[in-house]
Amino acid sequence: LANNSEALSLYNAGRSKKTWGNVLFYGGIGLVATNLI
């Protein structure tokens, strides 16, 4: 995607959203599980 800057920026935005979604999701699961245990 390096030749198409618009597609590259959209792809990078999607990957960063995936990373933040995973951090929030698994962090939340960790907090809930730890507190319940």
PDB file of all heavy atoms in Angstrom:
ATOM      1  N   LEU A   1       0.807  -1.222   0.000  1.00  0.00           N
ATOM      2  CA  LEU A   1       0.000   0.000   0.000  1.00  0.00           C
ATOM      3  C   LEU A   1       0.841   1.274   0.000  1.00  0.00           C
ATOM      4  O   LEU A   1       0.297   2.371   0.035  1.00  0.00           O
ATOM      5  CB  LEU A   1      -0.927   0.021   1.220  1.00  0.00           C
ATOM      6  CG  LEU A   1      -1.969  -1.089   1.328  1.00  0.00           C
ATOM      7  CD1 LEU A   1      -2.748  -0.952   2.612  1.00  0.00           C
ATOM      8  CD2 LEU A   1      -2.893  -1.087   0.145  1.00  0.00           C
ATOM      9  N   ALA A   2       2.167   1.151  -0.044  1.00  0.00           N
ATOM     10  CA  ALA A   2       3.044   2.319   0.059  1.00  0.00           C
ATOM     11  C   ALA A   2       2.826   3.318  -1.073  1.00  0.00           C
ATOM     12  O   ALA A   2       2.960   4.526  -0.873  1.00  0.00           O
ATOM     13  CB  ALA A   2       4.501   1.877   0.094  1.00  0.00           C
ATOM     14  N   ASN A   3       2.443   2.840  -2.250  1.00  0.00           N
ATOM     15  CA  ASN A   3       2.234   3.746  -3.387  1.00  0.00           C
ATOM     16  C   ASN A   3       0.929   4.523  -3.288  1.00  0.00           C
ATOM     17  O   ASN A   3       0.794   5.586  -3.894  1.00  0.00           O
ATOM     18  CB  ASN A   3       2.257   2.955  -4.697  1.00  0.00           C
ATOM     19  CG  ASN A   3       3.610   2.328  -4.944  1.00  0.00           C
ATOM     20  OD1 ASN A   3       4.617   2.809  -4.453  1.00  0.00           O
ATOM     21  ND2 ASN A   3       3.619   1.236  -5.695  1.00  0.00           N
ATOM     22  N   ASN A   4      -0.026   4.007  -2.557  1.00  0.00           N
ATOM     23  CA  ASN A   4      -1.333   4.653  -2.414  1.00  0.00           C
ATOM     24  C   ASN A   4      -1.433   5.188  -0.980  1.00  0.00           C
ATOM     25  O   ASN A   4      -1.773   4.462  -0.056  1.00  0.00           O
ATOM     26  CB  ASN A   4      -2.437   3.634  -2.713  1.00  0.00           C
ATOM     27  CG  ASN A   4      -3.789   4.265  -2.853  1.00  0.00           C
ATOM     28  OD1 ASN A   4      -4.019   5.375  -2.395  1.00  0.00           O
ATOM     29  ND2 ASN A   4      -4.705   3.546  -3.480  1.00  0.00           N
ATOM     30  N   SER A   5      -1.133   6.474  -0.809  1.00  0.00           N
ATOM     31  CA  SER A   5      -1.054   7.041   0.543  1.00  0.00           C
ATOM     32  C   SER A   5      -2.407   7.043   1.262  1.00  0.00           C
ATOM     33  O   SER A   5      -2.463   6.853   2.480  1.00  0.00           O
ATOM     34  CB  SER A   5      -0.481   8.450   0.490  1.00  0.00           C
ATOM     35  OG  SER A   5      -1.332   9.292  -0.255  1.00  0.00           O
ATOM     36  N   GLU A   6      -3.482   7.260   0.533  1.00  0.00           N
ATOM     37  CA  GLU A   6      -4.807   7.273   1.167  1.00  0.00           C
ATOM     38  C   GLU A   6      -5.178   5.883   1.689  1.00  0.00           C
ATOM     39  O   GLU A   6      -5.667   5.736   2.808  1.00  0.00           O
ATOM     40  CB  GLU A   6      -5.851   7.757   0.172  1.00  0.00           C
ATOM     41  CG  GLU A   6      -7.216   7.962   0.785  1.00  0.00           C
ATOM     42  CD  GLU A   6      -8.214   8.516  -0.218  1.00  0.00           C
ATOM     43  OE1 GLU A   6      -7.837   8.797  -1.355  1.00  0.00           O
ATOM     44  OE2 GLU A   6      -9.376   8.655   0.171  1.00  0.00           O
ATOM     45  N   ALA A   7      -4.907   4.858   0.888  1.00  0.00           N
ATOM     46  CA  ALA A   7      -5.189   3.490   1.324  1.00  0.00           C
ATOM     47  C   ALA A   7      -4.289   3.105   2.496  1.00  0.00           C
ATOM     48  O   ALA A   7      -4.736   2.441   3.435  1.00  0.00           O
ATOM     49  CB  ALA A   7      -4.994   2.516   0.166  1.00  0.00           C
ATOM     50  N   LEU A   8      -3.039   3.550   2.460  1.00  0.00           N
ATOM     51  CA  LEU A   8      -2.114   3.241   3.558  1.00  0.00           C
ATOM     52  C   LEU A   8      -2.565   3.895   4.855  1.00  0.00           C
ATOM     53  O   LEU A   8      -2.533   3.273   5.920  1.00  0.00           O
ATOM     54  CB  LEU A   8      -0.702   3.687   3.201  1.00  0.00           C
ATOM     55  CG  LEU A   8       0.377   3.408   4.247  1.00  0.00           C
ATOM     56  CD1 LEU A   8       0.518   1.916   4.491  1.00  0.00           C
ATOM     57  CD2 LEU A   8       1.699   4.002   3.802  1.00  0.00           C
ATOM     58  N   SER A   9      -3.021   5.151   4.791  1.00  0.00           N
ATOM     59  CA  SER A   9      -3.474   5.821   6.012  1.00  0.00           C
ATOM     60  C   SER A   9      -4.737   5.162   6.571  1.00  0.00           C
ATOM     61  O   SER A   9      -4.887   5.023   7.787  1.00  0.00           O
ATOM     62  CB  SER A   9      -3.698   7.305   5.759  1.00  0.00           C
ATOM     63  OG  SER A   9      -4.764   7.493   4.862  1.00  0.00           O
ATOM     64  N   LEU A  10      -5.643   4.720   5.694  1.00  0.00           N
ATOM     65  CA  LEU A  10      -6.837   4.012   6.159  1.00  0.00           C
ATOM     66  C   LEU A  10      -6.460   2.672   6.795  1.00  0.00           C
ATOM     67  O   LEU A  10      -7.015   2.287   7.832  1.00  0.00           O
ATOM     68  CB  LEU A  10      -7.801   3.772   5.000  1.00  0.00           C
ATOM     69  CG  LEU A  10      -8.705   4.925   4.623  1.00  0.00           C
ATOM     70  CD1 LEU A  10      -9.456   4.619   3.338  1.00  0.00           C
ATOM     71  CD2 LEU A  10      -9.683   5.215   5.733  1.00  0.00           C
ATOM     72  N   TYR A  11      -5.530   1.972   6.189  1.00  0.00           N
ATOM     73  CA  TYR A  11      -5.097   0.686   6.740  1.00  0.00           C
ATOM     74  C   TYR A  11      -4.440   0.880   8.105  1.00  0.00           C
ATOM     75  O   TYR A  11      -4.734   0.136   9.049  1.00  0.00           O
ATOM     76  CB  TYR A  11      -4.128  -0.005   5.777  1.00  0.00           C
ATOM     77  CG  TYR A  11      -3.655  -1.350   6.288  1.00  0.00           C
ATOM     78  CD1 TYR A  11      -4.483  -2.463   6.246  1.00  0.00           C
ATOM     79  CD2 TYR A  11      -2.387  -1.491   6.820  1.00  0.00           C
ATOM     80  CE1 TYR A  11      -4.058  -3.684   6.728  1.00  0.00           C
ATOM     81  CE2 TYR A  11      -1.956  -2.714   7.302  1.00  0.00           C
ATOM     82  CZ  TYR A  11      -2.791  -3.804   7.249  1.00  0.00           C
ATOM     83  OH  TYR A  11      -2.366  -5.019   7.736  1.00  0.00           O
ATOM     84  N   ASN A  12      -3.569   1.870   8.217  1.00  0.00           N
ATOM     85  CA  ASN A  12      -2.916   2.133   9.508  1.00  0.00           C
ATOM     86  C   ASN A  12      -3.928   2.536  10.572  1.00  0.00           C
ATOM     87  O   ASN A  12      -3.806   2.142  11.734  1.00  0.00           O
ATOM     88  CB  ASN A  12      -1.839   3.200   9.354  1.00  0.00           C
ATOM     89  CG  ASN A  12      -0.616   2.670   8.633  1.00  0.00           C
ATOM     90  OD1 ASN A  12      -0.339   1.485   8.629  1.00  0.00           O
ATOM     91  ND2 ASN A  12       0.113   3.566   7.997  1.00  0.00           N
ATOM     92  N   ALA A  13      -4.935   3.324  10.186  1.00  0.00           N
ATOM     93  CA  ALA A  13      -5.981   3.711  11.140  1.00  0.00           C
ATOM     94  C   ALA A  13      -6.765   2.484  11.597  1.00  0.00           C
ATOM     95  O   ALA A  13      -7.089   2.338  12.785  1.00  0.00           O
ATOM     96  CB  ALA A  13      -6.906   4.743  10.513  1.00  0.00           C
ATOM     97  N   GLY A  14      -7.060   1.586  10.673  1.00  0.00           N
ATOM     98  CA  GLY A  14      -7.775   0.360  11.036  1.00  0.00           C
ATOM     99  C   GLY A  14      -6.961  -0.528  11.957  1.00  0.00           C
ATOM    100  O   GLY A  14      -7.484  -1.098  12.914  1.00  0.00           O
ATOM    101  N   ARG A  15      -5.662  -0.643  11.681  1.00  0.00           N
ATOM    102  CA  ARG A  15      -4.810  -1.470  12.543  1.00  0.00           C
ATOM    103  C   ARG A  15      -4.666  -0.861  13.941  1.00  0.00           C
ATOM    104  O   ARG A  15      -4.662  -1.581  14.937  1.00  0.00           O
ATOM    105  CB  ARG A  15      -3.421  -1.657  11.915  1.00  0.00           C
ATOM    106  CG  ARG A  15      -3.400  -2.494  10.656  1.00  0.00           C
ATOM    107  CD  ARG A  15      -3.880  -3.877  10.868  1.00  0.00           C
ATOM    108  NE  ARG A  15      -2.987  -4.618  11.726  1.00  0.00           N
ATOM    109  CZ  ARG A  15      -3.066  -5.913  11.964  1.00  0.00           C
ATOM    110  NH1 ARG A  15      -4.020  -6.614  11.408  1.00  0.00           N
ATOM    111  NH2 ARG A  15      -2.222  -6.508  12.770  1.00  0.00           N
ATOM    112  N   SER A  16      -4.566   0.458  14.023  1.00  0.00           N
ATOM    113  CA  SER A  16      -4.460   1.075  15.355  1.00  0.00           C
ATOM    114  C   SER A  16      -5.778   0.936  16.117  1.00  0.00           C
ATOM    115  O   SER A  16      -5.768   0.728  17.337  1.00  0.00           O
ATOM    116  CB  SER A  16      -4.035   2.536  15.244  1.00  0.00           C
ATOM    117  OG  SER A  16      -5.028   3.295  14.607  1.00  0.00           O
ATOM    118  N   LYS A  17      -6.915   1.014  15.401  1.00  0.00           N
ATOM    119  CA  LYS A  17      -8.199   0.777  16.070  1.00  0.00           C
ATOM    120  C   LYS A  17      -8.279  -0.657  16.588  1.00  0.00           C
ATOM    121  O   LYS A  17      -8.804  -0.903  17.679  1.00  0.00           O
ATOM    122  CB  LYS A  17      -9.364   1.038  15.112  1.00  0.00           C
ATOM    123  CG  LYS A  17      -9.723   2.489  14.961  1.00  0.00           C
ATOM    124  CD  LYS A  17     -10.943   2.667  14.114  1.00  0.00           C
ATOM    125  CE  LYS A  17     -12.173   2.492  14.965  1.00  0.00           C
ATOM    126  NZ  LYS A  17     -13.398   2.943  14.308  1.00  0.00           N
ATOM    127  N   LYS A  18      -7.755  -1.594  15.811  1.00  0.00           N
ATOM    128  CA  LYS A  18      -7.759  -2.993  16.262  1.00  0.00           C
ATOM    129  C   LYS A  18      -6.915  -3.145  17.521  1.00  0.00           C
ATOM    130  O   LYS A  18      -7.323  -3.809  18.479  1.00  0.00           O
ATOM    131  CB  LYS A  18      -7.212  -3.900  15.161  1.00  0.00           C
ATOM    132  CG  LYS A  18      -7.155  -5.348  15.577  1.00  0.00           C
ATOM    133  CD  LYS A  18      -6.533  -6.214  14.520  1.00  0.00           C
ATOM    134  CE  LYS A  18      -6.468  -7.644  15.050  1.00  0.00           C
ATOM    135  NZ  LYS A  18      -5.759  -8.534  14.176  1.00  0.00           N
ATOM    136  N   THR A  19      -5.749  -2.509  17.537  1.00  0.00           N
ATOM    137  CA  THR A  19      -4.867  -2.599  18.700  1.00  0.00           C
ATOM    138  C   THR A  19      -5.531  -2.013  19.933  1.00  0.00           C
ATOM    139  O   THR A  19      -5.531  -2.626  21.010  1.00  0.00           O
ATOM    140  CB  THR A  19      -3.544  -1.880  18.405  1.00  0.00           C
ATOM    141  OG1 THR A  19      -2.932  -2.485  17.262  1.00  0.00           O
ATOM    142  CG2 THR A  19      -2.604  -1.964  19.595  1.00  0.00           C
ATOM    143  N   TRP A  20      -6.108  -0.806  19.806  1.00  0.00           N
ATOM    144  CA  TRP A  20      -6.766  -0.179  20.958  1.00  0.00           C
ATOM    145  C   TRP A  20      -7.986  -0.970  21.402  1.00  0.00           C
ATOM    146  O   TRP A  20      -8.267  -1.084  22.599  1.00  0.00           O
ATOM    147  CB  TRP A  20      -7.146   1.267  20.645  1.00  0.00           C
ATOM    148  CG  TRP A  20      -5.976   2.171  20.787  1.00  0.00           C
ATOM    149  CD1 TRP A  20      -5.289   2.802  19.794  1.00  0.00           C
ATOM    150  CD2 TRP A  20      -5.333   2.540  22.014  1.00  0.00           C
ATOM    151  NE1 TRP A  20      -4.261   3.525  20.325  1.00  0.00           N
ATOM    152  CE2 TRP A  20      -4.260   3.391  21.680  1.00  0.00           C
ATOM    153  CE3 TRP A  20      -5.555   2.231  23.349  1.00  0.00           C
ATOM    154  CZ2 TRP A  20      -3.424   3.927  22.639  1.00  0.00           C
ATOM    155  CZ3 TRP A  20      -4.716   2.764  24.299  1.00  0.00           C
ATOM    156  CH2 TRP A  20      -3.668   3.611  23.944  1.00  0.00           C
ATOM    157  N   GLY A  21      -8.730  -1.517  20.472  1.00  0.00           N
ATOM    158  CA  GLY A  21      -9.869  -2.350  20.846  1.00  0.00           C
ATOM    159  C   GLY A  21      -9.445  -3.575  21.625  1.00  0.00           C
ATOM    160  O   GLY A  21     -10.076  -3.951  22.614  1.00  0.00           O
ATOM    161  N   ASN A  22      -8.351  -4.209  21.191  1.00  0.00           N
ATOM    162  CA  ASN A  22      -7.845  -5.382  21.914  1.00  0.00           C
ATOM    163  C   ASN A  22      -7.332  -5.009  23.293  1.00  0.00           C
ATOM    164  O   ASN A  22      -7.552  -5.737  24.265  1.00  0.00           O
ATOM    165  CB  ASN A  22      -6.729  -6.060  21.110  1.00  0.00           C
ATOM    166  CG  ASN A  22      -7.273  -6.830  19.930  1.00  0.00           C
ATOM    167  OD1 ASN A  22      -8.452  -7.158  19.869  1.00  0.00           O
ATOM    168  ND2 ASN A  22      -6.411  -7.105  18.974  1.00  0.00           N
ATOM    169  N   VAL A  23      -6.634  -3.871  23.399  1.00  0.00           N
ATOM    170  CA  VAL A  23      -6.114  -3.436  24.702  1.00  0.00           C
ATOM    171  C   VAL A  23      -7.272  -3.188  25.672  1.00  0.00           C
ATOM    172  O   VAL A  23      -7.246  -3.640  26.825  1.00  0.00           O
ATOM    173  CB  VAL A  23      -5.236  -2.174  24.555  1.00  0.00           C
ATOM    174  CG1 VAL A  23      -4.976  -1.510  25.898  1.00  0.00           C
ATOM    175  CG2 VAL A  23      -3.921  -2.517  23.867  1.00  0.00           C
ATOM    176  N   LEU A  24      -8.293  -2.482  25.222  1.00  0.00           N
ATOM    177  CA  LEU A  24      -9.438  -2.209  26.091  1.00  0.00           C
ATOM    178  C   LEU A  24     -10.191  -3.485  26.446  1.00  0.00           C
ATOM    179  O   LEU A  24     -10.579  -3.698  27.604  1.00  0.00           O
ATOM    180  CB  LEU A  24     -10.386  -1.216  25.420  1.00  0.00           C
ATOM    181  CG  LEU A  24      -9.882   0.214  25.262  1.00  0.00           C
ATOM    182  CD1 LEU A  24     -10.886   1.049  24.486  1.00  0.00           C
ATOM    183  CD2 LEU A  24      -9.602   0.839  26.605  1.00  0.00           C
ATOM    184  N   PHE A  25     -10.409  -4.349  25.464  1.00  0.00           N
ATOM    185  CA  PHE A  25     -11.179  -5.570  25.704  1.00  0.00           C
ATOM    186  C   PHE A  25     -10.468  -6.505  26.678  1.00  0.00           C
ATOM    187  O   PHE A  25     -11.050  -6.924  27.683  1.00  0.00           O
ATOM    188  CB  PHE A  25     -11.445  -6.276  24.365  1.00  0.00           C
ATOM    189  CG  PHE A  25     -12.313  -7.488  24.489  1.00  0.00           C
ATOM    190  CD1 PHE A  25     -13.666  -7.364  24.740  1.00  0.00           C
ATOM    191  CD2 PHE A  25     -11.777  -8.752  24.362  1.00  0.00           C
ATOM    192  CE1 PHE A  25     -14.472  -8.478  24.853  1.00  0.00           C
ATOM    193  CE2 PHE A  25     -12.573  -9.879  24.481  1.00  0.00           C
ATOM    194  CZ  PHE A  25     -13.925  -9.742  24.721  1.00  0.00           C
ATOM    195  N   TYR A  26      -9.208  -6.830  26.388  1.00  0.00           N
ATOM    196  CA  TYR A  26      -8.505  -7.774  27.245  1.00  0.00           C
ATOM    197  C   TYR A  26      -8.125  -7.152  28.588  1.00  0.00           C
ATOM    198  O   TYR A  26      -8.058  -7.858  29.596  1.00  0.00           O
ATOM    199  CB  TYR A  26      -7.289  -8.351  26.530  1.00  0.00           C
ATOM    200  CG  TYR A  26      -7.702  -9.222  25.360  1.00  0.00           C
ATOM    201  CD1 TYR A  26      -7.353  -8.878  24.062  1.00  0.00           C
ATOM    202  CD2 TYR A  26      -8.457 -10.354  25.566  1.00  0.00           C
ATOM    203  CE1 TYR A  26      -7.756  -9.664  23.000  1.00  0.00           C
ATOM    204  CE2 TYR A  26      -8.867 -11.143  24.505  1.00  0.00           C
ATOM    205  CZ  TYR A  26      -8.500 -10.794  23.219  1.00  0.00           C
ATOM    206  OH  TYR A  26      -8.905 -11.563  22.178  1.00  0.00           O
ATOM    207  N   GLY A  27      -7.897  -5.854  28.620  1.00  0.00           N
ATOM    208  CA  GLY A  27      -7.679  -5.176  29.899  1.00  0.00           C
ATOM    209  C   GLY A  27      -8.922  -5.222  30.765  1.00  0.00           C
ATOM    210  O   GLY A  27      -8.844  -5.451  31.977  1.00  0.00           O
ATOM    211  N   GLY A  28     -10.082  -5.019  30.157  1.00  0.00           N
ATOM    212  CA  GLY A  28     -11.341  -5.109  30.900  1.00  0.00           C
ATOM    213  C   GLY A  28     -11.606  -6.505  31.413  1.00  0.00           C
ATOM    214  O   GLY A  28     -12.039  -6.696  32.560  1.00  0.00           O
ATOM    215  N   ILE A  29     -11.338  -7.493  30.584  1.00  0.00           N
ATOM    216  CA  ILE A  29     -11.515  -8.882  31.034  1.00  0.00           C
ATOM    217  C   ILE A  29     -10.572  -9.186  32.200  1.00  0.00           C
ATOM    218  O   ILE A  29     -10.959  -9.833  33.175  1.00  0.00           O
ATOM    219  CB  ILE A  29     -11.290  -9.863  29.863  1.00  0.00           C
ATOM    220  CG1 ILE A  29     -12.471  -9.802  28.905  1.00  0.00           C
ATOM    221  CG2 ILE A  29     -11.104 -11.289  30.366  1.00  0.00           C
ATOM    222  CD1 ILE A  29     -12.325 -10.653  27.678  1.00  0.00           C
ATOM    223  N   GLY A  30      -9.345  -8.693  32.118  1.00  0.00           N
ATOM    224  CA  GLY A  30      -8.384  -8.911  33.199  1.00  0.00           C
ATOM    225  C   GLY A  30      -8.833  -8.270  34.496  1.00  0.00           C
ATOM    226  O   GLY A  30      -8.716  -8.873  35.572  1.00  0.00           O
ATOM    227  N   LEU A  31      -9.341  -7.033  34.420  1.00  0.00           N
ATOM    228  CA  LEU A  31      -9.813  -6.358  35.638  1.00  0.00           C
ATOM    229  C   LEU A  31     -11.002  -7.081  36.260  1.00  0.00           C
ATOM    230  O   LEU A  31     -11.064  -7.262  37.483  1.00  0.00           O
ATOM    231  CB  LEU A  31     -10.183  -4.909  35.325  1.00  0.00           C
ATOM    232  CG  LEU A  31      -9.036  -3.924  35.175  1.00  0.00           C
ATOM    233  CD1 LEU A  31      -9.566  -2.570  34.729  1.00  0.00           C
ATOM    234  CD2 LEU A  31      -8.277  -3.785  36.475  1.00  0.00           C
ATOM    235  N   VAL A  32     -11.954  -7.474  35.434  1.00  0.00           N
ATOM    236  CA  VAL A  32     -13.136  -8.173  35.957  1.00  0.00           C
ATOM    237  C   VAL A  32     -12.726  -9.497  36.582  1.00  0.00           C
ATOM    238  O   VAL A  32     -13.139  -9.826  37.704  1.00  0.00           O
ATOM    239  CB  VAL A  32     -14.181  -8.382  34.838  1.00  0.00           C
ATOM    240  CG1 VAL A  32     -15.287  -9.322  35.285  1.00  0.00           C
ATOM    241  CG2 VAL A  32     -14.778  -7.051  34.416  1.00  0.00           C
ATOM    242  N   ALA A  33     -11.907 -10.275  35.883  1.00  0.00           N
ATOM    243  CA  ALA A  33     -11.514 -11.589  36.396  1.00  0.00           C
ATOM    244  C   ALA A  33     -10.706 -11.457  37.688  1.00  0.00           C
ATOM    245  O   ALA A  33     -10.938 -12.203  38.645  1.00  0.00           O
ATOM    246  CB  ALA A  33     -10.711 -12.340  35.338  1.00  0.00           C
ATOM    247  N   THR A  34      -9.769 -10.520  37.719  1.00  0.00           N
ATOM    248  CA  THR A  34      -8.948 -10.330  38.917  1.00  0.00           C
ATOM    249  C   THR A  34      -9.813  -9.931  40.110  1.00  0.00           C
ATOM    250  O   THR A  34      -9.662 -10.471  41.214  1.00  0.00           O
ATOM    251  CB  THR A  34      -7.877  -9.262  38.668  1.00  0.00           C
ATOM    252  OG1 THR A  34      -7.080  -9.671  37.557  1.00  0.00           O
ATOM    253  CG2 THR A  34      -7.004  -9.058  39.875  1.00  0.00           C
ATOM    254  N   ASN A  35     -10.727  -8.998  39.895  1.00  0.00           N
ATOM    255  CA  ASN A  35     -11.576  -8.544  40.998  1.00  0.00           C
ATOM    256  C   ASN A  35     -12.479  -9.668  41.482  1.00  0.00           C
ATOM    257  O   ASN A  35     -12.681  -9.818  42.699  1.00  0.00           O
ATOM    258  CB  ASN A  35     -12.398  -7.334  40.560  1.00  0.00           C
ATOM    259  CG  ASN A  35     -13.030  -6.634  41.730  1.00  0.00           C
ATOM    260  OD1 ASN A  35     -14.031  -7.076  42.261  1.00  0.00           O
ATOM    261  ND2 ASN A  35     -12.428  -5.528  42.125  1.00  0.00           N
ATOM    262  N   LEU A  36     -13.026 -10.443  40.584  1.00  0.00           N
ATOM    263  CA  LEU A  36     -13.904 -11.537  41.008  1.00  0.00           C
ATOM    264  C   LEU A  36     -13.128 -12.628  41.738  1.00  0.00           C
ATOM    265  O   LEU A  36     -13.604 -13.174  42.735  1.00  0.00           O
ATOM    266  CB  LEU A  36     -14.639 -12.120  39.801  1.00  0.00           C
ATOM    267  CG  LEU A  36     -15.695 -11.217  39.181  1.00  0.00           C
ATOM    268  CD1 LEU A  36     -16.323 -11.884  37.972  1.00  0.00           C
ATOM    269  CD2 LEU A  36     -16.759 -10.845  40.193  1.00  0.00           C
ATOM    270  N   ILE A  37     -11.930 -12.942  41.277  1.00  0.00           N
ATOM    271  CA  ILE A  37     -11.129 -13.963  41.960  1.00  0.00           C
ATOM    272  C   ILE A  37     -10.732 -13.493  43.355  1.00  0.00           C
ATOM    273  O   ILE A  37     -10.828 -14.246  44.335  1.00  0.00           O
ATOM    274  CB  ILE A  37      -9.887 -14.326  41.112  1.00  0.00           C
ATOM    275  CG1 ILE A  37     -10.330 -15.098  39.875  1.00  0.00           C
ATOM    276  CG2 ILE A  37      -8.890 -15.140  41.921  1.00  0.00           C
ATOM    277  CD1 ILE A  37      -9.239 -15.297  38.859  1.00  0.00           C
TER     278      ILE A  37
END
